[in-house]
Structure formats: C-alpha cells, structure tokens
mmCIF file of all heavy atoms, coordinates in Angstrom:
data_MODEL
# 
_entry.id   MODEL 
# 
loop_
_atom_site.group_PDB 
_atom_site.id 
_atom_site.type_symbol 
_atom_site.label_atom_id 
_atom_site.label_alt_id 
_atom_site.label_comp_id 
_atom_site.label_asym_id 
_atom_site.label_entity_id 
_atom_site.label_seq_id 
_atom_site.pdbx_PDB_ins_code 
_atom_site.Cartn_x 
_atom_site.Cartn_y 
_atom_site.Cartn_z 
_atom_site.occupancy 
_atom_site.B_iso_or_equiv 
_atom_site.pdbx_formal_charge 
_atom_site.auth_seq_id 
_atom_site.auth_comp_id 
_atom_site.auth_asym_id 
_atom_site.auth_atom_id 
_atom_site.pdbx_PDB_model_num 
ATOM 1   N N   . ILE A 1 1  ? -8.860 -4.720 -1.606  1.00 0.00 ? 1  ILE A N   1 
ATOM 2   C CA  . ILE A 1 1  ? -7.807 -4.194 -2.472  1.00 0.00 ? 1  ILE A CA  1 
ATOM 3   C C   . ILE A 1 1  ? -7.712 -5.056 -3.729  1.00 0.00 ? 1  ILE A C   1 
ATOM 4   O O   . ILE A 1 1  ? -7.754 -6.290 -3.659  1.00 0.00 ? 1  ILE A O   1 
ATOM 5   C CB  . ILE A 1 1  ? -6.445 -4.195 -1.745  1.00 0.00 ? 1  ILE A CB  1 
ATOM 6   C CG1 . ILE A 1 1  ? -6.571 -3.511 -0.378  1.00 0.00 ? 1  ILE A CG1 1 
ATOM 7   C CG2 . ILE A 1 1  ? -5.382 -3.506 -2.589  1.00 0.00 ? 1  ILE A CG2 1 
ATOM 8   C CD1 . ILE A 1 1  ? -5.341 -3.669 0.494   1.00 0.00 ? 1  ILE A CD1 1 
ATOM 9   N N   . THR A 1 2  ? -7.573 -4.394 -4.875  1.00 0.00 ? 2  THR A N   1 
ATOM 10  C CA  . THR A 1 2  ? -7.450 -5.125 -6.138  1.00 0.00 ? 2  THR A CA  1 
ATOM 11  C C   . THR A 1 2  ? -6.215 -4.637 -6.900  1.00 0.00 ? 2  THR A C   1 
ATOM 12  O O   . THR A 1 2  ? -6.311 -3.785 -7.784  1.00 0.00 ? 2  THR A O   1 
ATOM 13  C CB  . THR A 1 2  ? -8.715 -4.940 -7.009  1.00 0.00 ? 2  THR A CB  1 
ATOM 14  O OG1 . THR A 1 2  ? -8.981 -3.536 -7.171  1.00 0.00 ? 2  THR A OG1 1 
ATOM 15  C CG2 . THR A 1 2  ? -9.911 -5.592 -6.354  1.00 0.00 ? 2  THR A CG2 1 
ATOM 16  N N   . PRO A 1 3  ? -5.046 -5.190 -6.558  1.00 0.00 ? 3  PRO A N   1 
ATOM 17  C CA  . PRO A 1 3  ? -3.841 -4.803 -7.282  1.00 0.00 ? 3  PRO A CA  1 
ATOM 18  C C   . PRO A 1 3  ? -3.927 -5.212 -8.751  1.00 0.00 ? 3  PRO A C   1 
ATOM 19  O O   . PRO A 1 3  ? -4.472 -6.273 -9.074  1.00 0.00 ? 3  PRO A O   1 
ATOM 20  C CB  . PRO A 1 3  ? -2.731 -5.573 -6.561  1.00 0.00 ? 3  PRO A CB  1 
ATOM 21  C CG  . PRO A 1 3  ? -3.419 -6.686 -5.861  1.00 0.00 ? 3  PRO A CG  1 
ATOM 22  C CD  . PRO A 1 3  ? -4.791 -6.213 -5.534  1.00 0.00 ? 3  PRO A CD  1 
ATOM 23  N N   . THR A 1 4  ? -3.406 -4.373 -9.610  1.00 0.00 ? 4  THR A N   1 
ATOM 24  C CA  . THR A 1 4  ? -3.429 -4.638 -11.047 1.00 0.00 ? 4  THR A CA  1 
ATOM 25  C C   . THR A 1 4  ? -2.004 -4.858 -11.546 1.00 0.00 ? 4  THR A C   1 
ATOM 26  O O   . THR A 1 4  ? -1.035 -4.655 -10.798 1.00 0.00 ? 4  THR A O   1 
ATOM 27  C CB  . THR A 1 4  ? -4.039 -3.447 -11.806 1.00 0.00 ? 4  THR A CB  1 
ATOM 28  O OG1 . THR A 1 4  ? -3.086 -2.353 -11.803 1.00 0.00 ? 4  THR A OG1 1 
ATOM 29  C CG2 . THR A 1 4  ? -5.346 -2.987 -11.171 1.00 0.00 ? 4  THR A CG2 1 
ATOM 30  N N   . PRO A 1 5  ? -1.835 -5.238 -12.807 1.00 0.00 ? 5  PRO A N   1 
ATOM 31  C CA  . PRO A 1 5  ? -0.482 -5.363 -13.357 1.00 0.00 ? 5  PRO A CA  1 
ATOM 32  C C   . PRO A 1 5  ? 0.267  -4.035 -13.390 1.00 0.00 ? 5  PRO A C   1 
ATOM 33  O O   . PRO A 1 5  ? 1.488  -4.020 -13.541 1.00 0.00 ? 5  PRO A O   1 
ATOM 34  C CB  . PRO A 1 5  ? -0.728 -5.879 -14.783 1.00 0.00 ? 5  PRO A CB  1 
ATOM 35  C CG  . PRO A 1 5  ? -2.083 -6.480 -14.762 1.00 0.00 ? 5  PRO A CG  1 
ATOM 36  C CD  . PRO A 1 5  ? -2.862 -5.685 -13.775 1.00 0.00 ? 5  PRO A CD  1 
ATOM 37  N N   . LEU A 1 6  ? -0.455 -2.923 -13.240 1.00 0.00 ? 6  LEU A N   1 
ATOM 38  C CA  . LEU A 1 6  ? 0.149  -1.601 -13.378 1.00 0.00 ? 6  LEU A CA  1 
ATOM 39  C C   . LEU A 1 6  ? 0.531  -0.956 -12.052 1.00 0.00 ? 6  LEU A C   1 
ATOM 40  O O   . LEU A 1 6  ? 1.101  0.136  -12.041 1.00 0.00 ? 6  LEU A O   1 
ATOM 41  C CB  . LEU A 1 6  ? -0.806 -0.687 -14.158 1.00 0.00 ? 6  LEU A CB  1 
ATOM 42  C CG  . LEU A 1 6  ? -1.178 -1.205 -15.558 1.00 0.00 ? 6  LEU A CG  1 
ATOM 43  C CD1 . LEU A 1 6  ? -2.215 -0.315 -16.210 1.00 0.00 ? 6  LEU A CD1 1 
ATOM 44  C CD2 . LEU A 1 6  ? 0.058  -1.313 -16.436 1.00 0.00 ? 6  LEU A CD2 1 
ATOM 45  N N   . HIS A 1 7  ? 0.233  -1.596 -10.936 1.00 0.00 ? 7  HIS A N   1 
ATOM 46  C CA  . HIS A 1 7  ? 0.717  -1.118 -9.638  1.00 0.00 ? 7  HIS A CA  1 
ATOM 47  C C   . HIS A 1 7  ? 2.172  -1.574 -9.472  1.00 0.00 ? 7  HIS A C   1 
ATOM 48  O O   . HIS A 1 7  ? 2.475  -2.762 -9.630  1.00 0.00 ? 7  HIS A O   1 
ATOM 49  C CB  . HIS A 1 7  ? -0.124 -1.687 -8.499  1.00 0.00 ? 7  HIS A CB  1 
ATOM 50  C CG  . HIS A 1 7  ? -1.478 -1.052 -8.378  1.00 0.00 ? 7  HIS A CG  1 
ATOM 51  N ND1 . HIS A 1 7  ? -2.593 -1.568 -8.986  1.00 0.00 ? 7  HIS A ND1 1 
ATOM 52  C CD2 . HIS A 1 7  ? -1.900 0.055  -7.701  1.00 0.00 ? 7  HIS A CD2 1 
ATOM 53  C CE1 . HIS A 1 7  ? -3.645 -0.809 -8.704  1.00 0.00 ? 7  HIS A CE1 1 
ATOM 54  N NE2 . HIS A 1 7  ? -3.252 0.181  -7.926  1.00 0.00 ? 7  HIS A NE2 1 
ATOM 55  N N   . ASP A 1 8  ? 3.057  -0.632 -9.162  1.00 0.00 ? 8  ASP A N   1 
ATOM 56  C CA  . ASP A 1 8  ? 4.477  -0.987 -9.040  1.00 0.00 ? 8  ASP A CA  1 
ATOM 57  C C   . ASP A 1 8  ? 4.886  -1.146 -7.570  1.00 0.00 ? 8  ASP A C   1 
ATOM 58  O O   . ASP A 1 8  ? 4.079  -0.941 -6.650  1.00 0.00 ? 8  ASP A O   1 
ATOM 59  C CB  . ASP A 1 8  ? 5.366  0.035  -9.752  1.00 0.00 ? 8  ASP A CB  1 
ATOM 60  C CG  . ASP A 1 8  ? 5.201  1.454  -9.224  1.00 0.00 ? 8  ASP A CG  1 
ATOM 61  O OD1 . ASP A 1 8  ? 4.927  1.617  -8.011  1.00 0.00 ? 8  ASP A OD1 1 
ATOM 62  O OD2 . ASP A 1 8  ? 5.372  2.412  -10.009 1.00 0.00 ? 8  ASP A OD2 1 
ATOM 63  N N   . ASP A 1 9  ? 6.148  -1.503 -7.346  1.00 0.00 ? 9  ASP A N   1 
ATOM 64  C CA  . ASP A 1 9  ? 6.637  -1.768 -5.991  1.00 0.00 ? 9  ASP A CA  1 
ATOM 65  C C   . ASP A 1 9  ? 6.585  -0.536 -5.103  1.00 0.00 ? 9  ASP A C   1 
ATOM 66  O O   . ASP A 1 9  ? 6.303  -0.633 -3.897  1.00 0.00 ? 9  ASP A O   1 
ATOM 67  C CB  . ASP A 1 9  ? 8.066  -2.312 -6.049  1.00 0.00 ? 9  ASP A CB  1 
ATOM 68  C CG  . ASP A 1 9  ? 8.118  -3.745 -6.557  1.00 0.00 ? 9  ASP A CG  1 
ATOM 69  O OD1 . ASP A 1 9  ? 7.053  -4.396 -6.605  1.00 0.00 ? 9  ASP A OD1 1 
ATOM 70  O OD2 . ASP A 1 9  ? 9.212  -4.214 -6.921  1.00 0.00 ? 9  ASP A OD2 1 
ATOM 71  N N   . LEU A 1 10 ? 6.869  0.631  -5.659  1.00 0.00 ? 10 LEU A N   1 
ATOM 72  C CA  . LEU A 1 10 ? 6.813  1.862  -4.863  1.00 0.00 ? 10 LEU A CA  1 
ATOM 73  C C   . LEU A 1 10 ? 5.385  2.122  -4.371  1.00 0.00 ? 10 LEU A C   1 
ATOM 74  O O   . LEU A 1 10 ? 5.182  2.530  -3.218  1.00 0.00 ? 10 LEU A O   1 
ATOM 75  C CB  . LEU A 1 10 ? 7.319  3.051  -5.689  1.00 0.00 ? 10 LEU A CB  1 
ATOM 76  C CG  . LEU A 1 10 ? 8.832  3.118  -5.921  1.00 0.00 ? 10 LEU A CG  1 
ATOM 77  C CD1 . LEU A 1 10 ? 9.171  4.300  -6.829  1.00 0.00 ? 10 LEU A CD1 1 
ATOM 78  C CD2 . LEU A 1 10 ? 9.580  3.248  -4.593  1.00 0.00 ? 10 LEU A CD2 1 
ATOM 79  N N   . MET A 1 11 ? 4.422  1.900  -5.236  1.00 0.00 ? 11 MET A N   1 
ATOM 80  C CA  . MET A 1 11 ? 3.017  2.070  -4.844  1.00 0.00 ? 11 MET A CA  1 
ATOM 81  C C   . MET A 1 11 ? 2.648  1.085  -3.739  1.00 0.00 ? 11 MET A C   1 
ATOM 82  O O   . MET A 1 11 ? 1.949  1.430  -2.784  1.00 0.00 ? 11 MET A O   1 
ATOM 83  C CB  . MET A 1 11 ? 2.104  1.855  -6.059  1.00 0.00 ? 11 MET A CB  1 
ATOM 84  C CG  . MET A 1 11 ? 2.192  2.925  -7.123  1.00 0.00 ? 11 MET A CG  1 
ATOM 85  S SD  . MET A 1 11 ? 1.160  2.477  -8.554  1.00 0.00 ? 11 MET A SD  1 
ATOM 86  C CE  . MET A 1 11 ? 1.458  3.889  -9.628  1.00 0.00 ? 11 MET A CE  1 
ATOM 87  N N   . MET A 1 12 ? 3.117  -0.154 -3.881  1.00 0.00 ? 12 MET A N   1 
ATOM 88  C CA  . MET A 1 12 ? 2.823  -1.175 -2.868  1.00 0.00 ? 12 MET A CA  1 
ATOM 89  C C   . MET A 1 12 ? 3.433  -0.806 -1.523  1.00 0.00 ? 12 MET A C   1 
ATOM 90  O O   . MET A 1 12 ? 2.773  -0.925 -0.478  1.00 0.00 ? 12 MET A O   1 
ATOM 91  C CB  . MET A 1 12 ? 3.350  -2.540 -3.317  1.00 0.00 ? 12 MET A CB  1 
ATOM 92  C CG  . MET A 1 12 ? 2.544  -3.193 -4.412  1.00 0.00 ? 12 MET A CG  1 
ATOM 93  S SD  . MET A 1 12 ? 3.001  -4.934 -4.582  1.00 0.00 ? 12 MET A SD  1 
ATOM 94  C CE  . MET A 1 12 ? 2.314  -5.270 -6.196  1.00 0.00 ? 12 MET A CE  1 
ATOM 95  N N   . ASP A 1 13 ? 4.667  -0.374 -1.531  1.00 0.00 ? 13 ASP A N   1 
ATOM 96  C CA  . ASP A 1 13 ? 5.334  -0.023 -0.275  1.00 0.00 ? 13 ASP A CA  1 
ATOM 97  C C   . ASP A 1 13 ? 4.626  1.151  0.407   1.00 0.00 ? 13 ASP A C   1 
ATOM 98  O O   . ASP A 1 13 ? 4.472  1.164  1.637   1.00 0.00 ? 13 ASP A O   1 
ATOM 99  C CB  . ASP A 1 13 ? 6.797  0.327  -0.537  1.00 0.00 ? 13 ASP A CB  1 
ATOM 100 C CG  . ASP A 1 13 ? 7.628  -0.901 -0.917  1.00 0.00 ? 13 ASP A CG  1 
ATOM 101 O OD1 . ASP A 1 13 ? 7.181  -2.032 -0.622  1.00 0.00 ? 13 ASP A OD1 1 
ATOM 102 O OD2 . ASP A 1 13 ? 8.702  -0.729 -1.516  1.00 0.00 ? 13 ASP A OD2 1 
ATOM 103 N N   . HIS A 1 14 ? 4.213  2.130  -0.382  1.00 0.00 ? 14 HIS A N   1 
ATOM 104 C CA  . HIS A 1 14 ? 3.470  3.259  0.174   1.00 0.00 ? 14 HIS A CA  1 
ATOM 105 C C   . HIS A 1 14 ? 2.142  2.793  0.768   1.00 0.00 ? 14 HIS A C   1 
ATOM 106 O O   . HIS A 1 14 ? 1.738  3.254  1.851   1.00 0.00 ? 14 HIS A O   1 
ATOM 107 C CB  . HIS A 1 14 ? 3.233  4.314  -0.901  1.00 0.00 ? 14 HIS A CB  1 
ATOM 108 C CG  . HIS A 1 14 ? 2.400  5.474  -0.445  1.00 0.00 ? 14 HIS A CG  1 
ATOM 109 N ND1 . HIS A 1 14 ? 2.771  6.293  0.593   1.00 0.00 ? 14 HIS A ND1 1 
ATOM 110 C CD2 . HIS A 1 14 ? 1.192  5.931  -0.872  1.00 0.00 ? 14 HIS A CD2 1 
ATOM 111 C CE1 . HIS A 1 14 ? 1.850  7.215  0.786   1.00 0.00 ? 14 HIS A CE1 1 
ATOM 112 N NE2 . HIS A 1 14 ? 0.872  7.012  -0.089  1.00 0.00 ? 14 HIS A NE2 1 
ATOM 113 N N   . LEU A 1 15 ? 1.461  1.880  0.081   1.00 0.00 ? 15 LEU A N   1 
ATOM 114 C CA  . LEU A 1 15 ? 0.199  1.351  0.591   1.00 0.00 ? 15 LEU A CA  1 
ATOM 115 C C   . LEU A 1 15 ? 0.400  0.646  1.931   1.00 0.00 ? 15 LEU A C   1 
ATOM 116 O O   . LEU A 1 15 ? -0.328 0.900  2.900   1.00 0.00 ? 15 LEU A O   1 
ATOM 117 C CB  . LEU A 1 15 ? -0.403 0.376  -0.422  1.00 0.00 ? 15 LEU A CB  1 
ATOM 118 C CG  . LEU A 1 15 ? -1.680 -0.324 0.033   1.00 0.00 ? 15 LEU A CG  1 
ATOM 119 C CD1 . LEU A 1 15 ? -2.894 0.567  -0.176  1.00 0.00 ? 15 LEU A CD1 1 
ATOM 120 C CD2 . LEU A 1 15 ? -1.879 -1.649 -0.693  1.00 0.00 ? 15 LEU A CD2 1 
ATOM 121 N N   . VAL A 1 16 ? 1.397  -0.222 2.004   1.00 0.00 ? 16 VAL A N   1 
ATOM 122 C CA  . VAL A 1 16 ? 1.639  -0.997 3.227   1.00 0.00 ? 16 VAL A CA  1 
ATOM 123 C C   . VAL A 1 16 ? 2.009  -0.069 4.385   1.00 0.00 ? 16 VAL A C   1 
ATOM 124 O O   . VAL A 1 16 ? 1.480  -0.203 5.497   1.00 0.00 ? 16 VAL A O   1 
ATOM 125 C CB  . VAL A 1 16 ? 2.734  -2.047 2.994   1.00 0.00 ? 16 VAL A CB  1 
ATOM 126 C CG1 . VAL A 1 16 ? 3.122  -2.731 4.300   1.00 0.00 ? 16 VAL A CG1 1 
ATOM 127 C CG2 . VAL A 1 16 ? 2.258  -3.087 1.978   1.00 0.00 ? 16 VAL A CG2 1 
ATOM 128 N N   . ASP A 1 17 ? 2.900  0.886  4.142   1.00 0.00 ? 17 ASP A N   1 
ATOM 129 C CA  . ASP A 1 17 ? 3.295  1.826  5.202   1.00 0.00 ? 17 ASP A CA  1 
ATOM 130 C C   . ASP A 1 17 ? 2.104  2.659  5.674   1.00 0.00 ? 17 ASP A C   1 
ATOM 131 O O   . ASP A 1 17 ? 1.948  2.923  6.881   1.00 0.00 ? 17 ASP A O   1 
ATOM 132 C CB  . ASP A 1 17 ? 4.405  2.754  4.691   1.00 0.00 ? 17 ASP A CB  1 
ATOM 133 C CG  . ASP A 1 17 ? 5.726  2.018  4.489   1.00 0.00 ? 17 ASP A CG  1 
ATOM 134 O OD1 . ASP A 1 17 ? 5.889  0.908  5.042   1.00 0.00 ? 17 ASP A OD1 1 
ATOM 135 O OD2 . ASP A 1 17 ? 6.587  2.547  3.757   1.00 0.00 ? 17 ASP A OD2 1 
ATOM 136 N N   . SER A 1 18 ? 1.260  3.064  4.737   1.00 0.00 ? 18 SER A N   1 
ATOM 137 C CA  . SER A 1 18 ? 0.083  3.871  5.080   1.00 0.00 ? 18 SER A CA  1 
ATOM 138 C C   . SER A 1 18 ? -0.913 3.058  5.891   1.00 0.00 ? 18 SER A C   1 
ATOM 139 O O   . SER A 1 18 ? -1.496 3.561  6.870   1.00 0.00 ? 18 SER A O   1 
ATOM 140 C CB  . SER A 1 18 ? -0.575 4.403  3.805   1.00 0.00 ? 18 SER A CB  1 
ATOM 141 O OG  . SER A 1 18 ? 0.337  5.180  3.050   1.00 0.00 ? 18 SER A OG  1 
ATOM 142 N N   . PHE A 1 19 ? -1.130 1.802  5.511   1.00 0.00 ? 19 PHE A N   1 
ATOM 143 C CA  . PHE A 1 19 ? -2.026 0.933  6.274   1.00 0.00 ? 19 PHE A CA  1 
ATOM 144 C C   . PHE A 1 19 ? -1.515 0.776  7.709   1.00 0.00 ? 19 PHE A C   1 
ATOM 145 O O   . PHE A 1 19 ? -2.300 0.834  8.667   1.00 0.00 ? 19 PHE A O   1 
ATOM 146 C CB  . PHE A 1 19 ? -2.132 -0.433 5.593   1.00 0.00 ? 19 PHE A CB  1 
ATOM 147 C CG  . PHE A 1 19 ? -3.309 -0.555 4.659   1.00 0.00 ? 19 PHE A CG  1 
ATOM 148 C CD1 . PHE A 1 19 ? -3.488 0.335  3.617   1.00 0.00 ? 19 PHE A CD1 1 
ATOM 149 C CD2 . PHE A 1 19 ? -4.246 -1.562 4.815   1.00 0.00 ? 19 PHE A CD2 1 
ATOM 150 C CE1 . PHE A 1 19 ? -4.559 0.231  2.753   1.00 0.00 ? 19 PHE A CE1 1 
ATOM 151 C CE2 . PHE A 1 19 ? -5.333 -1.682 3.958   1.00 0.00 ? 19 PHE A CE2 1 
ATOM 152 C CZ  . PHE A 1 19 ? -5.493 -0.777 2.926   1.00 0.00 ? 19 PHE A CZ  1 
ATOM 153 N N   . LYS A 1 20 ? -0.220 0.556  7.874   1.00 0.00 ? 20 LYS A N   1 
ATOM 154 C CA  . LYS A 1 20 ? 0.349  0.390  9.211   1.00 0.00 ? 20 LYS A CA  1 
ATOM 155 C C   . LYS A 1 20 ? 0.062  1.618  10.076  1.00 0.00 ? 20 LYS A C   1 
ATOM 156 O O   . LYS A 1 20 ? -0.328 1.496  11.242  1.00 0.00 ? 20 LYS A O   1 
ATOM 157 C CB  . LYS A 1 20 ? 1.856  0.154  9.112   1.00 0.00 ? 20 LYS A CB  1 
ATOM 158 C CG  . LYS A 1 20 ? 2.237  -1.219 8.610   1.00 0.00 ? 20 LYS A CG  1 
ATOM 159 C CD  . LYS A 1 20 ? 3.705  -1.311 8.240   1.00 0.00 ? 20 LYS A CD  1 
ATOM 160 C CE  . LYS A 1 20 ? 4.620  -1.010 9.397   1.00 0.00 ? 20 LYS A CE  1 
ATOM 161 N NZ  . LYS A 1 20 ? 6.049  -1.138 9.000   1.00 0.00 ? 20 LYS A NZ  1 
ATOM 162 N N   . GLU A 1 21 ? 0.257  2.800  9.504   1.00 0.00 ? 21 GLU A N   1 
ATOM 163 C CA  . GLU A 1 21 ? 0.032  4.040  10.244  1.00 0.00 ? 21 GLU A CA  1 
ATOM 164 C C   . GLU A 1 21 ? -1.440 4.190  10.630  1.00 0.00 ? 21 GLU A C   1 
ATOM 165 O O   . GLU A 1 21 ? -1.766 4.514  11.779  1.00 0.00 ? 21 GLU A O   1 
ATOM 166 C CB  . GLU A 1 21 ? 0.477  5.232  9.387   1.00 0.00 ? 21 GLU A CB  1 
ATOM 167 C CG  . GLU A 1 21 ? 0.101  6.599  9.944   1.00 0.00 ? 21 GLU A CG  1 
ATOM 168 C CD  . GLU A 1 21 ? 0.747  6.890  11.287  1.00 0.00 ? 21 GLU A CD  1 
ATOM 169 O OE1 . GLU A 1 21 ? 1.862  6.374  11.546  1.00 0.00 ? 21 GLU A OE1 1 
ATOM 170 O OE2 . GLU A 1 21 ? 0.143  7.641  12.084  1.00 0.00 ? 21 GLU A OE2 1 
ATOM 171 N N   . VAL A 1 22 ? -2.324 3.956  9.689   1.00 0.00 ? 22 VAL A N   1 
ATOM 172 C CA  . VAL A 1 22 ? -3.759 4.111  9.953   1.00 0.00 ? 22 VAL A CA  1 
ATOM 173 C C   . VAL A 1 22 ? -4.244 3.054  10.945  1.00 0.00 ? 22 VAL A C   1 
ATOM 174 O O   . VAL A 1 22 ? -5.049 3.351  11.840  1.00 0.00 ? 22 VAL A O   1 
ATOM 175 C CB  . VAL A 1 22 ? -4.560 4.052  8.632   1.00 0.00 ? 22 VAL A CB  1 
ATOM 176 C CG1 . VAL A 1 22 ? -6.063 4.054  8.905   1.00 0.00 ? 22 VAL A CG1 1 
ATOM 177 C CG2 . VAL A 1 22 ? -4.185 5.231  7.736   1.00 0.00 ? 22 VAL A CG2 1 
ATOM 178 N N   . TRP A 1 23 ? -3.773 1.832  10.815  1.00 0.00 ? 23 TRP A N   1 
ATOM 179 C CA  . TRP A 1 23 ? -4.173 0.753  11.729  1.00 0.00 ? 23 TRP A CA  1 
ATOM 180 C C   . TRP A 1 23 ? -3.771 1.087  13.178  1.00 0.00 ? 23 TRP A C   1 
ATOM 181 O O   . TRP A 1 23 ? -4.538 0.866  14.102  1.00 0.00 ? 23 TRP A O   1 
ATOM 182 C CB  . TRP A 1 23 ? -3.552 -0.564 11.287  1.00 0.00 ? 23 TRP A CB  1 
ATOM 183 C CG  . TRP A 1 23 ? -4.511 -1.507 10.595  1.00 0.00 ? 23 TRP A CG  1 
ATOM 184 C CD1 . TRP A 1 23 ? -4.757 -2.803 10.926  1.00 0.00 ? 23 TRP A CD1 1 
ATOM 185 C CD2 . TRP A 1 23 ? -5.339 -1.240 9.455   1.00 0.00 ? 23 TRP A CD2 1 
ATOM 186 N NE1 . TRP A 1 23 ? -5.688 -3.356 10.075  1.00 0.00 ? 23 TRP A NE1 1 
ATOM 187 C CE2 . TRP A 1 23 ? -6.073 -2.410 9.163   1.00 0.00 ? 23 TRP A CE2 1 
ATOM 188 C CE3 . TRP A 1 23 ? -5.564 -0.119 8.659   1.00 0.00 ? 23 TRP A CE3 1 
ATOM 189 C CZ2 . TRP A 1 23 ? -6.981 -2.499 8.118   1.00 0.00 ? 23 TRP A CZ2 1 
ATOM 190 C CZ3 . TRP A 1 23 ? -6.462 -0.204 7.614   1.00 0.00 ? 23 TRP A CZ3 1 
ATOM 191 C CH2 . TRP A 1 23 ? -7.158 -1.372 7.357   1.00 0.00 ? 23 TRP A CH2 1 
ATOM 192 N N   . LYS A 1 24 ? -2.564 1.627  13.343  1.00 0.00 ? 24 LYS A N   1 
ATOM 193 C CA  . LYS A 1 24 ? -2.117 2.005  14.681  1.00 0.00 ? 24 LYS A CA  1 
ATOM 194 C C   . LYS A 1 24 ? -2.947 3.167  15.228  1.00 0.00 ? 24 LYS A C   1 
ATOM 195 O O   . LYS A 1 24 ? -3.354 3.164  16.396  1.00 0.00 ? 24 LYS A O   1 
ATOM 196 C CB  . LYS A 1 24 ? -0.640 2.402  14.641  1.00 0.00 ? 24 LYS A CB  1 
ATOM 197 C CG  . LYS A 1 24 ? 0.314  1.230  14.452  1.00 0.00 ? 24 LYS A CG  1 
ATOM 198 C CD  . LYS A 1 24 ? 1.751  1.701  14.368  1.00 0.00 ? 24 LYS A CD  1 
ATOM 199 C CE  . LYS A 1 24 ? 2.706  0.530  14.144  1.00 0.00 ? 24 LYS A CE  1 
ATOM 200 N NZ  . LYS A 1 24 ? 4.115  0.988  13.981  1.00 0.00 ? 24 LYS A NZ  1 
ATOM 201 N N   . ARG A 1 25 ? -3.210 4.143  14.387  1.00 0.00 ? 25 ARG A N   1 
ATOM 202 C CA  . ARG A 1 25 ? -3.949 5.320  14.829  1.00 0.00 ? 25 ARG A CA  1 
ATOM 203 C C   . ARG A 1 25 ? -5.368 4.960  15.268  1.00 0.00 ? 25 ARG A C   1 
ATOM 204 O O   . ARG A 1 25 ? -5.870 5.497  16.266  1.00 0.00 ? 25 ARG A O   1 
ATOM 205 C CB  . ARG A 1 25 ? -4.002 6.357  13.695  1.00 0.00 ? 25 ARG A CB  1 
ATOM 206 C CG  . ARG A 1 25 ? -4.567 7.694  14.137  1.00 0.00 ? 25 ARG A CG  1 
ATOM 207 C CD  . ARG A 1 25 ? -4.800 8.648  12.979  1.00 0.00 ? 25 ARG A CD  1 
ATOM 208 N NE  . ARG A 1 25 ? -3.631 8.848  12.129  1.00 0.00 ? 25 ARG A NE  1 
ATOM 209 C CZ  . ARG A 1 25 ? -3.624 9.674  11.074  1.00 0.00 ? 25 ARG A CZ  1 
ATOM 210 N NH1 . ARG A 1 25 ? -4.727 10.355 10.765  1.00 0.00 ? 25 ARG A NH1 1 
ATOM 211 N NH2 . ARG A 1 25 ? -2.546 9.795  10.334  1.00 0.00 ? 25 ARG A NH2 1 
# 
C-alpha cells in the first residue's frame, strides 16, 4: 500500500474495514 497526501481519513477507514472483512473471509 502506498498512501499519498491525497488519501483522506474516510478512504483510510474504508480500506481498514475492507481489509478486516477480506482477511476474515
């Protein structure tokens, strides 16, 4: 993953929640 200055907090939270779901699945 390469976060940039243009990724905001909402994008980060969506990424983390999505990773959690996929990791569990």
